[in-house]
């Protein structure tokens, strides 16, 4: 969803989602680096061919070579 929105609109949507996530689980699928690096994301799940490759927080995942390689391609 965020890949098709302007940066300003994406940030507004994220602010709304931030309030909603206190009581809900929200799934965001994106390739947007700013969203991935933001404090809006609690957990990242990396999928490949419908299989979970890895999961965790962005800073932790950057220590993994496979995640770092994928992230640099974005």
Protein backbone atom coordinates (compact mmCIF):
# COMPACT_ATOMS: atom_id res chain seq x y z
CA UNK A 1 0.00 0.00 0.00
CA UNK A 2 2.68 2.53 0.99
CA UNK A 3 4.70 2.06 -2.17
CA UNK A 4 1.97 3.85 -4.13
CA UNK A 5 1.47 6.76 -1.72
CA UNK A 6 3.40 9.99 -1.45
CA UNK A 7 5.84 10.26 1.45
CA UNK A 8 3.60 12.74 3.30
CA UNK A 9 0.49 10.63 2.89
CA UNK A 10 2.39 7.48 3.92
CA UNK A 11 3.49 9.18 7.15
CA UNK A 12 -0.09 10.28 7.89
CA UNK A 13 -1.35 6.73 7.38
CA UNK A 14 1.43 5.42 9.63
CA UNK A 15 0.43 7.84 12.38
CA UNK A 16 -3.12 6.50 12.22
CA UNK A 17 -1.86 2.90 12.22
CA UNK A 18 0.39 3.65 15.18
CA UNK A 19 -2.68 4.55 17.23
CA UNK A 20 -4.60 1.50 16.00
CA UNK A 21 -1.78 -0.97 16.71
CA UNK A 22 -2.16 -0.49 20.45
CA UNK A 23 -5.28 -2.66 20.30
CA UNK A 24 -4.81 -4.49 17.00
CA UNK A 25 -2.33 -6.46 14.96
CA UNK A 26 -1.54 -4.67 11.72
CA UNK A 27 0.21 -6.25 8.76
CA UNK A 28 2.08 -3.93 6.40
CA UNK A 29 3.67 -5.26 3.23
CA UNK A 30 6.20 -2.84 1.76
CA UNK A 31 9.56 -2.38 0.09
CA UNK A 32 9.77 1.19 1.38
CA UNK A 33 13.07 1.58 3.29
CA UNK A 34 11.81 4.50 5.36
CA UNK A 35 8.88 2.46 6.63
CA UNK A 36 11.06 -0.57 7.35
CA UNK A 37 13.57 1.55 9.27
CA UNK A 38 10.90 3.51 11.15
CA UNK A 39 9.84 3.03 14.73
CA UNK A 40 6.37 2.07 13.49
CA UNK A 41 7.53 -1.48 12.80
CA UNK A 42 7.68 -3.89 15.75
CA UNK A 43 8.64 -7.01 13.85
CA UNK A 44 9.81 -7.79 10.32
CA UNK A 45 9.15 -11.11 8.64
CA UNK A 46 11.12 -11.81 5.46
CA UNK A 47 9.41 -14.24 3.10
CA UNK A 48 10.77 -16.03 0.08
CA UNK A 49 8.53 -18.24 -2.01
CA UNK A 50 5.95 -18.32 0.83
CA UNK A 51 8.56 -19.48 3.36
CA UNK A 52 9.83 -17.45 6.30
CA UNK A 53 13.55 -16.74 5.81
CA UNK A 54 14.01 -14.74 9.01
CA UNK A 55 12.23 -12.44 11.40
CA UNK A 56 13.04 -9.85 14.02
CA UNK A 57 13.70 -6.15 14.45
CA UNK A 58 15.39 -4.21 11.65
CA UNK A 59 18.58 -3.44 13.59
CA UNK A 60 18.95 -7.08 14.63
CA UNK A 61 18.27 -8.36 11.13
CA UNK A 62 20.91 -6.08 9.59
CA UNK A 63 23.50 -8.24 11.35
CA UNK A 64 22.38 -11.17 9.18
CA UNK A 65 24.08 -11.27 5.80
CA UNK A 66 21.01 -12.51 3.89
CA UNK A 67 18.74 -9.77 5.25
CA UNK A 68 21.42 -7.12 4.71
CA UNK A 69 21.76 -8.24 1.07
CA UNK A 70 18.00 -8.10 0.52
CA UNK A 71 17.66 -4.71 2.24
CA UNK A 72 20.44 -3.14 0.17
CA UNK A 73 18.62 -4.16 -3.03
CA UNK A 74 15.50 -2.15 -2.07
